Amino acid sequence: MFEQIKLKYAFDALEPHIDTLTMETHYGKHHATYTKNLNDAIEKLPELKGKSIEEILKNLDAIPEASRTAIQNNGGGYYNHNLYFEILSPNGGGEPTGKLAEQIKADFGSVDKLKEEISAKAAGRFGSGWAWLVVKEDGHLSVGSSPNQDNPFMCKCDGKGQPILALDVWEHAYYLKYKNVRADYIKAFFNVVDWNEVAKKYEEAIG
């Protein structure tokens, strides 16, 4: 049975960048619903029990067509939100260091350039979706985006690889505070990114 990631911070801890009501609603309602619906769908597919969410999402084509959309949407929502909430912190912001910083410089030129690329992908995603920082098979970093609850494990995503940073641009992630000004939310997001957590995920991805 899949479980929501346990938050390492209180719902109000990301203020003023992400407000308390948004966190309560986003985690307690939206993410909880994706998790429940994923588990309900898995109950009907005993062959998926015991598999990781990553393994399931990488092999969507093997899932019976009648159940595939439910697994794609809710499994994506489950995985995506787990990563999003995990790389946020009240002590976030600043810049990455160590191996991640070196790879960012090699692939993008600077951290500011990376932020610009992520911001452009997030702002340019029409409707609901996500922006991503991923580690490709060759160890290089790439920025991409995906619609709805798709992610870089799925064929429909731009920027395939192992996700290490997720930026949620569904309206439920920001509308209560930022209304229709998605750009302000994207800018605020970088004030609460836990680069230490992103760096940890990068090093896990490259082995």
N, C-alpha and C. Protein backbone atom coordinates (compact mmCIF):
# COMPACT_ATOMS: atom_id res chain seq x y z
N MET A 1 0.85 -1.20 0.00
CA MET A 1 0.00 0.00 0.00
C MET A 1 0.88 1.24 0.00
N PHE A 2 0.60 2.14 -0.93
CA PHE A 2 1.39 3.36 -1.03
C PHE A 2 0.90 4.39 0.00
N GLU A 3 1.85 5.14 0.56
CA GLU A 3 1.55 6.16 1.57
C GLU A 3 2.13 7.49 1.15
N GLN A 4 1.44 8.56 1.52
CA GLN A 4 1.97 9.90 1.28
C GLN A 4 3.28 10.07 2.02
N ILE A 5 4.19 10.82 1.41
CA ILE A 5 5.41 11.16 2.11
C ILE A 5 5.06 11.97 3.35
N LYS A 6 5.76 11.72 4.45
CA LYS A 6 5.54 12.48 5.68
C LYS A 6 6.30 13.81 5.59
N LEU A 7 5.59 14.89 5.76
CA LEU A 7 6.22 16.20 5.67
C LEU A 7 7.23 16.41 6.80
N LYS A 8 8.34 17.05 6.48
CA LYS A 8 9.38 17.35 7.47
C LYS A 8 9.19 18.73 8.08
N TYR A 9 8.06 19.37 7.77
CA TYR A 9 7.80 20.75 8.20
C TYR A 9 6.31 20.91 8.40
N ALA A 10 5.94 21.94 9.17
CA ALA A 10 4.52 22.22 9.42
C ALA A 10 3.90 22.89 8.20
N PHE A 11 2.57 22.84 8.12
CA PHE A 11 1.87 23.44 6.99
C PHE A 11 2.17 24.93 6.84
N ASP A 12 2.45 25.62 7.94
CA ASP A 12 2.70 27.06 7.87
C ASP A 12 4.18 27.41 7.73
N ALA A 13 5.03 26.40 7.64
CA ALA A 13 6.47 26.63 7.69
C ALA A 13 7.03 27.28 6.42
N LEU A 14 6.31 27.19 5.31
CA LEU A 14 6.82 27.73 4.06
C LEU A 14 6.32 29.15 3.79
N GLU A 15 5.57 29.70 4.74
CA GLU A 15 5.14 31.10 4.62
C GLU A 15 6.38 32.00 4.56
N PRO A 16 6.32 33.13 3.85
CA PRO A 16 5.19 33.65 3.08
C PRO A 16 5.15 33.14 1.63
N HIS A 17 6.09 32.26 1.28
CA HIS A 17 6.24 31.88 -0.12
C HIS A 17 5.13 30.94 -0.58
N ILE A 18 4.81 29.95 0.26
CA ILE A 18 3.66 29.07 0.02
C ILE A 18 2.81 29.11 1.27
N ASP A 19 1.57 29.51 1.12
CA ASP A 19 0.74 29.80 2.29
C ASP A 19 0.18 28.54 2.94
N THR A 20 -0.25 28.70 4.19
CA THR A 20 -0.72 27.59 5.00
C THR A 20 -1.94 26.89 4.40
N LEU A 21 -2.92 27.66 3.96
CA LEU A 21 -4.14 27.06 3.42
C LEU A 21 -3.84 26.25 2.16
N THR A 22 -2.97 26.76 1.32
CA THR A 22 -2.59 26.01 0.13
C THR A 22 -1.93 24.69 0.52
N MET A 23 -1.03 24.73 1.48
CA MET A 23 -0.35 23.50 1.92
C MET A 23 -1.35 22.51 2.50
N GLU A 24 -2.26 22.99 3.34
CA GLU A 24 -3.26 22.10 3.94
C GLU A 24 -4.13 21.44 2.87
N THR A 25 -4.54 22.24 1.89
CA THR A 25 -5.41 21.73 0.84
C THR A 25 -4.64 20.83 -0.13
N HIS A 26 -3.45 21.27 -0.49
CA HIS A 26 -2.65 20.55 -1.48
C HIS A 26 -2.25 19.17 -0.95
N TYR A 27 -1.72 19.15 0.26
CA TYR A 27 -1.26 17.88 0.84
C TYR A 27 -2.42 17.07 1.40
N GLY A 28 -3.28 17.72 2.16
CA GLY A 28 -4.33 17.00 2.87
C GLY A 28 -5.50 16.56 2.02
N LYS A 29 -5.72 17.23 0.89
CA LYS A 29 -6.85 16.89 0.02
C LYS A 29 -6.37 16.31 -1.31
N HIS A 30 -5.66 17.13 -2.10
CA HIS A 30 -5.27 16.68 -3.43
C HIS A 30 -4.35 15.46 -3.38
N HIS A 31 -3.24 15.58 -2.64
CA HIS A 31 -2.28 14.47 -2.61
C HIS A 31 -2.88 13.24 -1.94
N ALA A 32 -3.67 13.45 -0.91
CA ALA A 32 -4.32 12.33 -0.23
C ALA A 32 -5.27 11.60 -1.18
N THR A 33 -5.95 12.34 -2.03
CA THR A 33 -6.88 11.72 -2.98
C THR A 33 -6.14 10.92 -4.03
N TYR A 34 -5.05 11.46 -4.57
CA TYR A 34 -4.26 10.70 -5.54
C TYR A 34 -3.77 9.39 -4.92
N THR A 35 -3.32 9.47 -3.67
CA THR A 35 -2.80 8.28 -3.00
C THR A 35 -3.89 7.23 -2.81
N LYS A 36 -5.05 7.67 -2.35
CA LYS A 36 -6.16 6.74 -2.15
C LYS A 36 -6.59 6.10 -3.47
N ASN A 37 -6.74 6.93 -4.50
CA ASN A 37 -7.19 6.41 -5.79
C ASN A 37 -6.16 5.47 -6.41
N LEU A 38 -4.88 5.74 -6.20
CA LEU A 38 -3.84 4.82 -6.67
C LEU A 38 -3.97 3.47 -5.99
N ASN A 39 -4.11 3.49 -4.68
CA ASN A 39 -4.24 2.23 -3.93
C ASN A 39 -5.50 1.47 -4.33
N ASP A 40 -6.59 2.19 -4.57
CA ASP A 40 -7.82 1.54 -5.03
C ASP A 40 -7.61 0.86 -6.38
N ALA A 41 -6.87 1.53 -7.27
CA ALA A 41 -6.62 0.96 -8.60
C ALA A 41 -5.70 -0.26 -8.51
N ILE A 42 -4.71 -0.19 -7.63
CA ILE A 42 -3.77 -1.30 -7.47
C ILE A 42 -4.47 -2.54 -6.92
N GLU A 43 -5.48 -2.33 -6.10
CA GLU A 43 -6.23 -3.46 -5.53
C GLU A 43 -6.84 -4.34 -6.63
N LYS A 44 -7.15 -3.73 -7.75
CA LYS A 44 -7.75 -4.47 -8.86
C LYS A 44 -6.70 -5.13 -9.76
N LEU A 45 -5.42 -4.85 -9.48
CA LEU A 45 -4.34 -5.36 -10.31
C LEU A 45 -3.30 -6.05 -9.43
N PRO A 46 -3.58 -7.23 -8.97
CA PRO A 46 -2.67 -7.92 -8.04
C PRO A 46 -1.26 -8.09 -8.59
N GLU A 47 -1.10 -8.10 -9.92
CA GLU A 47 0.23 -8.25 -10.50
C GLU A 47 1.13 -7.04 -10.23
N LEU A 48 0.53 -5.92 -9.80
CA LEU A 48 1.31 -4.72 -9.50
C LEU A 48 1.70 -4.62 -8.02
N LYS A 49 1.09 -5.43 -7.19
CA LYS A 49 1.37 -5.35 -5.76
C LYS A 49 2.83 -5.73 -5.49
N GLY A 50 3.47 -4.93 -4.67
CA GLY A 50 4.87 -5.17 -4.34
C GLY A 50 5.85 -4.43 -5.23
N LYS A 51 5.36 -3.85 -6.34
CA LYS A 51 6.24 -3.11 -7.23
C LYS A 51 6.35 -1.66 -6.76
N SER A 52 7.50 -1.03 -7.03
CA SER A 52 7.67 0.38 -6.68
C SER A 52 6.86 1.24 -7.64
N ILE A 53 6.56 2.46 -7.21
CA ILE A 53 5.81 3.35 -8.08
C ILE A 53 6.61 3.70 -9.32
N GLU A 54 7.94 3.78 -9.18
CA GLU A 54 8.78 4.07 -10.34
C GLU A 54 8.67 2.96 -11.38
N GLU A 55 8.73 1.72 -10.91
CA GLU A 55 8.64 0.58 -11.81
C GLU A 55 7.30 0.55 -12.52
N ILE A 56 6.24 0.85 -11.78
CA ILE A 56 4.90 0.86 -12.37
C ILE A 56 4.79 1.93 -13.45
N LEU A 57 5.27 3.14 -13.16
CA LEU A 57 5.13 4.24 -14.10
C LEU A 57 6.02 4.08 -15.33
N LYS A 58 7.13 3.39 -15.18
CA LYS A 58 8.01 3.15 -16.33
C LYS A 58 7.46 2.10 -17.28
N ASN A 59 6.48 1.35 -16.79
CA ASN A 59 5.94 0.25 -17.58
C ASN A 59 4.42 0.35 -17.74
N LEU A 60 3.94 1.54 -18.01
CA LEU A 60 2.50 1.75 -18.14
C LEU A 60 1.90 0.92 -19.27
N ASP A 61 2.67 0.69 -20.32
CA ASP A 61 2.13 -0.05 -21.46
C ASP A 61 1.78 -1.49 -21.10
N ALA A 62 2.36 -1.99 -20.00
CA ALA A 62 2.08 -3.38 -19.59
C ALA A 62 0.79 -3.49 -18.77
N ILE A 63 0.22 -2.35 -18.39
CA ILE A 63 -1.00 -2.35 -17.58
C ILE A 63 -2.21 -2.48 -18.50
N PRO A 64 -3.19 -3.30 -18.14
CA PRO A 64 -4.39 -3.42 -18.97
C PRO A 64 -5.00 -2.06 -19.29
N GLU A 65 -5.43 -1.91 -20.53
CA GLU A 65 -5.90 -0.60 -21.00
C GLU A 65 -7.03 -0.05 -20.14
N ALA A 66 -7.88 -0.91 -19.61
CA ALA A 66 -9.02 -0.46 -18.81
C ALA A 66 -8.58 0.23 -17.52
N SER A 67 -7.38 -0.09 -17.04
CA SER A 67 -6.88 0.47 -15.78
C SER A 67 -5.74 1.47 -15.99
N ARG A 68 -5.24 1.56 -17.20
CA ARG A 68 -4.01 2.32 -17.44
C ARG A 68 -4.15 3.80 -17.11
N THR A 69 -5.25 4.40 -17.52
CA THR A 69 -5.42 5.84 -17.28
C THR A 69 -5.49 6.14 -15.78
N ALA A 70 -6.18 5.31 -15.02
CA ALA A 70 -6.28 5.51 -13.57
C ALA A 70 -4.91 5.42 -12.92
N ILE A 71 -4.10 4.45 -13.36
CA ILE A 71 -2.76 4.29 -12.79
C ILE A 71 -1.87 5.46 -13.22
N GLN A 72 -1.97 5.85 -14.48
CA GLN A 72 -1.16 6.96 -14.98
C GLN A 72 -1.46 8.25 -14.22
N ASN A 73 -2.74 8.57 -14.10
CA ASN A 73 -3.12 9.84 -13.46
C ASN A 73 -2.86 9.84 -11.97
N ASN A 74 -3.30 8.79 -11.29
CA ASN A 74 -3.16 8.76 -9.83
C ASN A 74 -1.76 8.34 -9.38
N GLY A 75 -1.15 7.43 -10.14
CA GLY A 75 0.24 7.07 -9.83
C GLY A 75 1.17 8.23 -10.08
N GLY A 76 0.92 8.96 -11.19
CA GLY A 76 1.70 10.16 -11.44
C GLY A 76 1.48 11.21 -10.37
N GLY A 77 0.22 11.44 -10.01
CA GLY A 77 -0.08 12.40 -8.96
C GLY A 77 0.57 12.04 -7.64
N TYR A 78 0.58 10.76 -7.33
CA TYR A 78 1.21 10.29 -6.10
C TYR A 78 2.72 10.54 -6.13
N TYR A 79 3.37 10.06 -7.17
CA TYR A 79 4.83 10.19 -7.26
C TYR A 79 5.25 11.66 -7.34
N ASN A 80 4.60 12.41 -8.21
CA ASN A 80 4.98 13.80 -8.44
C ASN A 80 4.89 14.63 -7.17
N HIS A 81 3.79 14.46 -6.44
CA HIS A 81 3.62 15.24 -5.22
C HIS A 81 4.59 14.81 -4.13
N ASN A 82 4.87 13.52 -4.03
CA ASN A 82 5.87 13.09 -3.06
C ASN A 82 7.19 13.81 -3.29
N LEU A 83 7.63 13.86 -4.55
CA LEU A 83 8.89 14.53 -4.86
C LEU A 83 8.80 16.02 -4.59
N TYR A 84 7.71 16.64 -5.00
CA TYR A 84 7.53 18.09 -4.81
C TYR A 84 7.62 18.46 -3.34
N PHE A 85 6.86 17.78 -2.50
CA PHE A 85 6.87 18.11 -1.08
C PHE A 85 8.21 17.78 -0.42
N GLU A 86 8.88 16.77 -0.94
CA GLU A 86 10.15 16.35 -0.34
C GLU A 86 11.27 17.35 -0.58
N ILE A 87 11.22 18.07 -1.71
CA ILE A 87 12.33 18.98 -2.00
C ILE A 87 12.01 20.42 -1.59
N LEU A 88 10.98 20.60 -0.77
CA LEU A 88 10.68 21.91 -0.19
C LEU A 88 11.15 21.96 1.26
N SER A 89 11.52 23.15 1.70
CA SER A 89 11.98 23.30 3.09
C SER A 89 11.87 24.76 3.51
N PRO A 90 11.52 25.02 4.78
CA PRO A 90 11.53 26.40 5.27
C PRO A 90 12.94 26.97 5.31
N ASN A 91 13.94 26.10 5.25
CA ASN A 91 15.33 26.54 5.23
C ASN A 91 15.92 26.46 3.82
N GLY A 92 15.03 26.46 2.83
CA GLY A 92 15.46 26.34 1.44
C GLY A 92 15.95 27.65 0.87
N GLY A 93 16.08 27.66 -0.44
CA GLY A 93 16.61 28.83 -1.13
C GLY A 93 18.12 28.72 -1.29
N GLY A 94 18.74 29.82 -1.60
CA GLY A 94 20.19 29.80 -1.80
C GLY A 94 20.55 29.08 -3.08
N GLU A 95 21.71 28.43 -3.05
CA GLU A 95 22.19 27.74 -4.24
C GLU A 95 22.75 26.38 -3.88
N PRO A 96 22.72 25.45 -4.83
CA PRO A 96 23.31 24.13 -4.57
C PRO A 96 24.82 24.20 -4.47
N THR A 97 25.40 23.17 -3.87
CA THR A 97 26.85 23.09 -3.73
C THR A 97 27.31 21.70 -4.18
N GLY A 98 28.59 21.47 -4.10
CA GLY A 98 29.14 20.13 -4.35
C GLY A 98 28.98 19.66 -5.78
N LYS A 99 28.81 18.35 -5.95
CA LYS A 99 28.74 17.73 -7.27
C LYS A 99 27.57 18.26 -8.10
N LEU A 100 26.45 18.50 -7.44
CA LEU A 100 25.29 19.02 -8.17
C LEU A 100 25.61 20.38 -8.76
N ALA A 101 26.23 21.25 -7.96
CA ALA A 101 26.58 22.59 -8.45
C ALA A 101 27.54 22.50 -9.63
N GLU A 102 28.48 21.58 -9.56
CA GLU A 102 29.45 21.40 -10.66
C GLU A 102 28.74 20.96 -11.93
N GLN A 103 27.78 20.03 -11.80
CA GLN A 103 27.08 19.54 -12.98
C GLN A 103 26.14 20.60 -13.55
N ILE A 104 25.54 21.40 -12.68
CA ILE A 104 24.70 22.50 -13.15
C ILE A 104 25.53 23.48 -13.97
N LYS A 105 26.72 23.80 -13.46
CA LYS A 105 27.60 24.73 -14.19
C LYS A 105 28.00 24.15 -15.54
N ALA A 106 28.28 22.84 -15.55
CA ALA A 106 28.70 22.19 -16.81
C ALA A 106 27.57 22.16 -17.83
N ASP A 107 26.34 21.92 -17.37
CA ASP A 107 25.22 21.73 -18.29
C ASP A 107 24.44 23.00 -18.62
N PHE A 108 24.47 23.97 -17.70
CA PHE A 108 23.65 25.17 -17.90
C PHE A 108 24.46 26.47 -17.86
N GLY A 109 25.66 26.40 -17.36
CA GLY A 109 26.50 27.59 -17.26
C GLY A 109 26.48 28.23 -15.89
N SER A 110 25.31 28.21 -15.23
CA SER A 110 25.19 28.78 -13.89
C SER A 110 23.86 28.35 -13.28
N VAL A 111 23.74 28.53 -11.98
CA VAL A 111 22.49 28.22 -11.29
C VAL A 111 21.38 29.15 -11.77
N ASP A 112 21.73 30.41 -12.00
CA ASP A 112 20.72 31.36 -12.49
C ASP A 112 20.16 30.92 -13.83
N LYS A 113 21.03 30.41 -14.71
CA LYS A 113 20.56 29.93 -16.01
C LYS A 113 19.64 28.72 -15.85
N LEU A 114 19.99 27.83 -14.90
CA LEU A 114 19.13 26.68 -14.63
C LEU A 114 17.76 27.15 -14.17
N LYS A 115 17.73 28.08 -13.22
CA LYS A 115 16.46 28.59 -12.72
C LYS A 115 15.64 29.23 -13.85
N GLU A 116 16.32 29.91 -14.75
CA GLU A 116 15.62 30.53 -15.88
C GLU A 116 14.97 29.46 -16.76
N GLU A 117 15.70 28.37 -16.98
CA GLU A 117 15.15 27.30 -17.84
C GLU A 117 13.96 26.61 -17.18
N ILE A 118 14.09 26.32 -15.88
CA ILE A 118 12.98 25.69 -15.16
C ILE A 118 11.78 26.63 -15.15
N SER A 119 12.03 27.91 -14.89
CA SER A 119 10.95 28.90 -14.84
C SER A 119 10.25 29.01 -16.18
N ALA A 120 11.02 28.98 -17.26
CA ALA A 120 10.43 29.08 -18.60
C ALA A 120 9.56 27.87 -18.91
N LYS A 121 10.03 26.68 -18.53
CA LYS A 121 9.23 25.47 -18.75
C LYS A 121 7.95 25.52 -17.93
N ALA A 122 8.07 25.98 -16.68
CA ALA A 122 6.90 26.04 -15.80
C ALA A 122 5.89 27.08 -16.28
N ALA A 123 6.38 28.24 -16.68
CA ALA A 123 5.50 29.31 -17.15
C ALA A 123 4.87 28.95 -18.49
N GLY A 124 5.60 28.22 -19.32
CA GLY A 124 5.14 27.90 -20.65
C GLY A 124 4.25 26.67 -20.74
N ARG A 125 4.10 25.95 -19.64
CA ARG A 125 3.23 24.76 -19.64
C ARG A 125 1.78 25.22 -19.70
N PHE A 126 1.12 24.94 -20.80
CA PHE A 126 -0.27 25.35 -20.97
C PHE A 126 -1.17 24.48 -20.09
N GLY A 127 -2.04 25.14 -19.33
CA GLY A 127 -2.92 24.39 -18.43
C GLY A 127 -2.15 23.81 -17.27
N SER A 128 -2.57 22.65 -16.81
CA SER A 128 -1.98 22.03 -15.63
C SER A 128 -0.78 21.16 -16.00
N GLY A 129 0.18 21.08 -15.10
CA GLY A 129 1.33 20.23 -15.36
C GLY A 129 2.49 20.50 -14.43
N TRP A 130 3.68 20.14 -14.89
CA TRP A 130 4.88 20.16 -14.05
C TRP A 130 6.09 20.61 -14.86
N ALA A 131 7.07 21.16 -14.14
CA ALA A 131 8.41 21.37 -14.69
C ALA A 131 9.37 20.51 -13.88
N TRP A 132 10.44 20.04 -14.53
CA TRP A 132 11.33 19.05 -13.92
C TRP A 132 12.80 19.37 -14.14
N LEU A 133 13.60 18.97 -13.16
CA LEU A 133 15.04 18.81 -13.37
C LEU A 133 15.31 17.32 -13.27
N VAL A 134 15.91 16.76 -14.31
CA VAL A 134 16.13 15.32 -14.35
C VAL A 134 17.59 15.00 -14.60
N VAL A 135 17.98 13.80 -14.19
CA VAL A 135 19.29 13.25 -14.50
C VAL A 135 19.11 12.24 -15.63
N LYS A 136 19.79 12.48 -16.74
CA LYS A 136 19.70 11.57 -17.88
C LYS A 136 20.61 10.37 -17.66
N GLU A 137 20.47 9.38 -18.51
CA GLU A 137 21.23 8.14 -18.37
C GLU A 137 22.74 8.39 -18.39
N ASP A 138 23.17 9.44 -19.11
CA ASP A 138 24.60 9.73 -19.20
C ASP A 138 25.12 10.59 -18.05
N GLY A 139 24.23 10.90 -17.08
CA GLY A 139 24.64 11.69 -15.92
C GLY A 139 24.46 13.18 -16.07
N HIS A 140 24.16 13.62 -17.29
CA HIS A 140 23.93 15.05 -17.49
C HIS A 140 22.53 15.44 -17.01
N LEU A 141 22.37 16.72 -16.75
CA LEU A 141 21.10 17.25 -16.27
C LEU A 141 20.29 17.81 -17.43
N SER A 142 18.98 17.73 -17.30
CA SER A 142 18.08 18.25 -18.33
C SER A 142 16.84 18.83 -17.66
N VAL A 143 16.27 19.84 -18.28
CA VAL A 143 15.03 20.45 -17.81
C VAL A 143 13.91 20.07 -18.76
N GLY A 144 12.75 19.73 -18.23
CA GLY A 144 11.62 19.38 -19.06
C GLY A 144 10.31 19.77 -18.42
N SER A 145 9.23 19.45 -19.09
CA SER A 145 7.90 19.69 -18.52
C SER A 145 6.96 18.61 -19.01
N SER A 146 5.85 18.46 -18.31
CA SER A 146 4.87 17.45 -18.69
C SER A 146 3.47 17.94 -18.34
N PRO A 147 2.46 17.46 -19.07
CA PRO A 147 1.08 17.86 -18.79
C PRO A 147 0.47 17.03 -17.67
N ASN A 148 -0.58 17.56 -17.07
CA ASN A 148 -1.40 16.82 -16.12
C ASN A 148 -0.54 16.21 -15.02
N GLN A 149 -0.68 14.88 -14.76
CA GLN A 149 0.17 14.24 -13.76
C GLN A 149 1.21 13.32 -14.42
N ASP A 150 1.52 13.57 -15.68
CA ASP A 150 2.60 12.83 -16.33
C ASP A 150 3.93 13.26 -15.71
N ASN A 151 4.95 12.46 -15.93
CA ASN A 151 6.28 12.79 -15.40
C ASN A 151 7.36 12.18 -16.30
N PRO A 152 8.63 12.43 -16.00
CA PRO A 152 9.71 11.99 -16.89
C PRO A 152 9.87 10.47 -17.03
N PHE A 153 9.15 9.67 -16.27
CA PHE A 153 9.18 8.23 -16.49
C PHE A 153 8.27 7.81 -17.65
N MET A 154 7.40 8.73 -18.06
CA MET A 154 6.39 8.41 -19.06
C MET A 154 6.80 8.91 -20.43
N CYS A 155 6.39 8.22 -21.45
CA CYS A 155 6.79 8.54 -22.83
C CYS A 155 6.31 9.91 -23.28
N LYS A 156 5.22 10.42 -22.68
CA LYS A 156 4.65 11.68 -23.15
C LYS A 156 5.41 12.90 -22.62
N CYS A 157 6.43 12.67 -21.82
CA CYS A 157 7.11 13.79 -21.17
C CYS A 157 8.31 14.28 -21.96
N ASP A 158 8.49 15.59 -21.95
CA ASP A 158 9.67 16.22 -22.52
C ASP A 158 10.74 16.23 -21.42
N GLY A 159 11.90 15.70 -21.68
CA GLY A 159 12.97 15.66 -20.69
C GLY A 159 12.97 14.38 -19.88
N LYS A 160 13.14 13.23 -20.57
CA LYS A 160 13.11 11.96 -19.86
C LYS A 160 14.35 11.78 -19.00
N GLY A 161 14.19 11.04 -17.90
CA GLY A 161 15.29 10.78 -17.00
C GLY A 161 14.78 10.54 -15.59
N GLN A 162 15.69 10.59 -14.63
CA GLN A 162 15.35 10.42 -13.23
C GLN A 162 15.05 11.79 -12.62
N PRO A 163 13.82 12.07 -12.22
CA PRO A 163 13.50 13.39 -11.67
C PRO A 163 14.17 13.61 -10.31
N ILE A 164 14.74 14.80 -10.13
CA ILE A 164 15.31 15.16 -8.84
C ILE A 164 14.74 16.46 -8.29
N LEU A 165 13.97 17.17 -9.11
CA LEU A 165 13.26 18.39 -8.67
C LEU A 165 11.97 18.48 -9.45
N ALA A 166 10.88 18.76 -8.73
CA ALA A 166 9.57 18.87 -9.35
C ALA A 166 8.94 20.20 -8.97
N LEU A 167 8.42 20.90 -9.96
CA LEU A 167 7.70 22.16 -9.73
C LEU A 167 6.27 22.00 -10.24
N ASP A 168 5.34 22.01 -9.32
CA ASP A 168 3.92 21.81 -9.61
C ASP A 168 3.31 23.12 -10.10
N VAL A 169 2.77 23.11 -11.32
CA VAL A 169 2.10 24.31 -11.81
C VAL A 169 0.61 24.08 -12.08
N TRP A 170 0.04 23.09 -11.39
CA TRP A 170 -1.42 23.02 -11.34
C TRP A 170 -1.91 24.23 -10.55
N GLU A 171 -3.09 24.74 -10.89
CA GLU A 171 -3.59 25.93 -10.19
C GLU A 171 -3.77 25.68 -8.70
N HIS A 172 -4.06 24.43 -8.31
CA HIS A 172 -4.26 24.18 -6.88
C HIS A 172 -2.97 24.40 -6.07
N ALA A 173 -1.82 24.45 -6.74
CA ALA A 173 -0.54 24.65 -6.04
C ALA A 173 -0.29 26.10 -5.68
N TYR A 174 -1.03 27.02 -6.31
CA TYR A 174 -0.69 28.43 -6.09
C TYR A 174 -1.85 29.41 -6.12
N TYR A 175 -3.04 28.99 -6.57
CA TYR A 175 -4.09 29.96 -6.89
C TYR A 175 -4.63 30.69 -5.66
N LEU A 176 -4.66 30.04 -4.51
CA LEU A 176 -5.21 30.69 -3.32
C LEU A 176 -4.40 31.93 -2.94
N LYS A 177 -3.10 31.89 -3.18
CA LYS A 177 -2.23 33.02 -2.82
C LYS A 177 -1.91 33.92 -4.02
N TYR A 178 -1.58 33.30 -5.15
CA TYR A 178 -1.06 34.06 -6.28
C TYR A 178 -2.08 34.32 -7.38
N LYS A 179 -3.30 33.80 -7.19
CA LYS A 179 -4.36 33.94 -8.19
C LYS A 179 -3.84 33.45 -9.56
N ASN A 180 -3.98 34.25 -10.60
CA ASN A 180 -3.57 33.80 -11.93
C ASN A 180 -2.14 34.20 -12.30
N VAL A 181 -1.38 34.71 -11.32
CA VAL A 181 -0.02 35.17 -11.61
C VAL A 181 0.97 34.03 -11.32
N ARG A 182 1.00 33.08 -12.22
CA ARG A 182 1.85 31.90 -12.04
C ARG A 182 3.32 32.29 -11.89
N ALA A 183 3.75 33.34 -12.59
CA ALA A 183 5.15 33.75 -12.55
C ALA A 183 5.61 34.11 -11.14
N ASP A 184 4.73 34.73 -10.35
CA ASP A 184 5.10 35.08 -8.98
C ASP A 184 5.29 33.84 -8.11
N TYR A 185 4.43 32.86 -8.32
CA TYR A 185 4.57 31.58 -7.60
C TYR A 185 5.87 30.88 -7.97
N ILE A 186 6.20 30.86 -9.25
CA ILE A 186 7.42 30.20 -9.71
C ILE A 186 8.64 30.86 -9.06
N LYS A 187 8.64 32.18 -9.03
CA LYS A 187 9.75 32.91 -8.40
C LYS A 187 9.84 32.58 -6.92
N ALA A 188 8.69 32.52 -6.24
CA ALA A 188 8.66 32.21 -4.81
C ALA A 188 9.12 30.78 -4.53
N PHE A 189 8.82 29.87 -5.43
CA PHE A 189 9.19 28.46 -5.27
C PHE A 189 10.68 28.30 -4.97
N PHE A 190 11.51 29.08 -5.65
CA PHE A 190 12.96 28.92 -5.47
C PHE A 190 13.45 29.39 -4.11
N ASN A 191 12.60 30.10 -3.37
CA ASN A 191 12.97 30.50 -2.00
C ASN A 191 12.80 29.36 -1.00
N VAL A 192 12.11 28.29 -1.41
CA VAL A 192 11.88 27.17 -0.49
C VAL A 192 12.40 25.84 -1.05
N VAL A 193 13.15 25.88 -2.13
CA VAL A 193 13.76 24.65 -2.66
C VAL A 193 14.90 24.22 -1.74
N ASP A 194 14.85 22.97 -1.31
CA ASP A 194 15.91 22.40 -0.48
C ASP A 194 16.97 21.80 -1.40
N TRP A 195 17.99 22.59 -1.73
CA TRP A 195 19.01 22.12 -2.67
C TRP A 195 19.83 20.96 -2.11
N ASN A 196 19.90 20.86 -0.79
CA ASN A 196 20.59 19.71 -0.20
C ASN A 196 19.86 18.41 -0.54
N GLU A 197 18.53 18.45 -0.50
CA GLU A 197 17.74 17.27 -0.84
C GLU A 197 17.85 16.96 -2.33
N VAL A 198 17.85 18.00 -3.16
CA VAL A 198 18.00 17.80 -4.60
C VAL A 198 19.37 17.20 -4.90
N ALA A 199 20.40 17.70 -4.21
CA ALA A 199 21.75 17.17 -4.39
C ALA A 199 21.85 15.71 -3.98
N LYS A 200 21.18 15.36 -2.90
CA LYS A 200 21.15 13.97 -2.45
C LYS A 200 20.52 13.09 -3.53
N LYS A 201 19.45 13.54 -4.11
CA LYS A 201 18.78 12.77 -5.16
C LYS A 201 19.66 12.67 -6.41
N TYR A 202 20.40 13.74 -6.70
CA TYR A 202 21.31 13.71 -7.84
C TYR A 202 22.38 12.64 -7.63
N GLU A 203 22.97 12.61 -6.44
CA GLU A 203 24.05 11.65 -6.18
C GLU A 203 23.52 10.22 -6.17
N GLU A 204 22.30 10.03 -5.71
CA GLU A 204 21.67 8.69 -5.77
C GLU A 204 21.47 8.27 -7.23
N ALA A 205 21.09 9.22 -8.07
CA ALA A 205 20.81 8.92 -9.47
C ALA A 205 22.06 8.54 -10.24
N ILE A 206 23.19 9.18 -9.92
CA ILE A 206 24.42 8.89 -10.66
C ILE A 206 25.20 7.74 -10.04
N GLY A 207 24.71 7.28 -8.86
CA GLY A 207 25.41 6.16 -8.20
C GLY A 207 26.66 6.62 -7.50
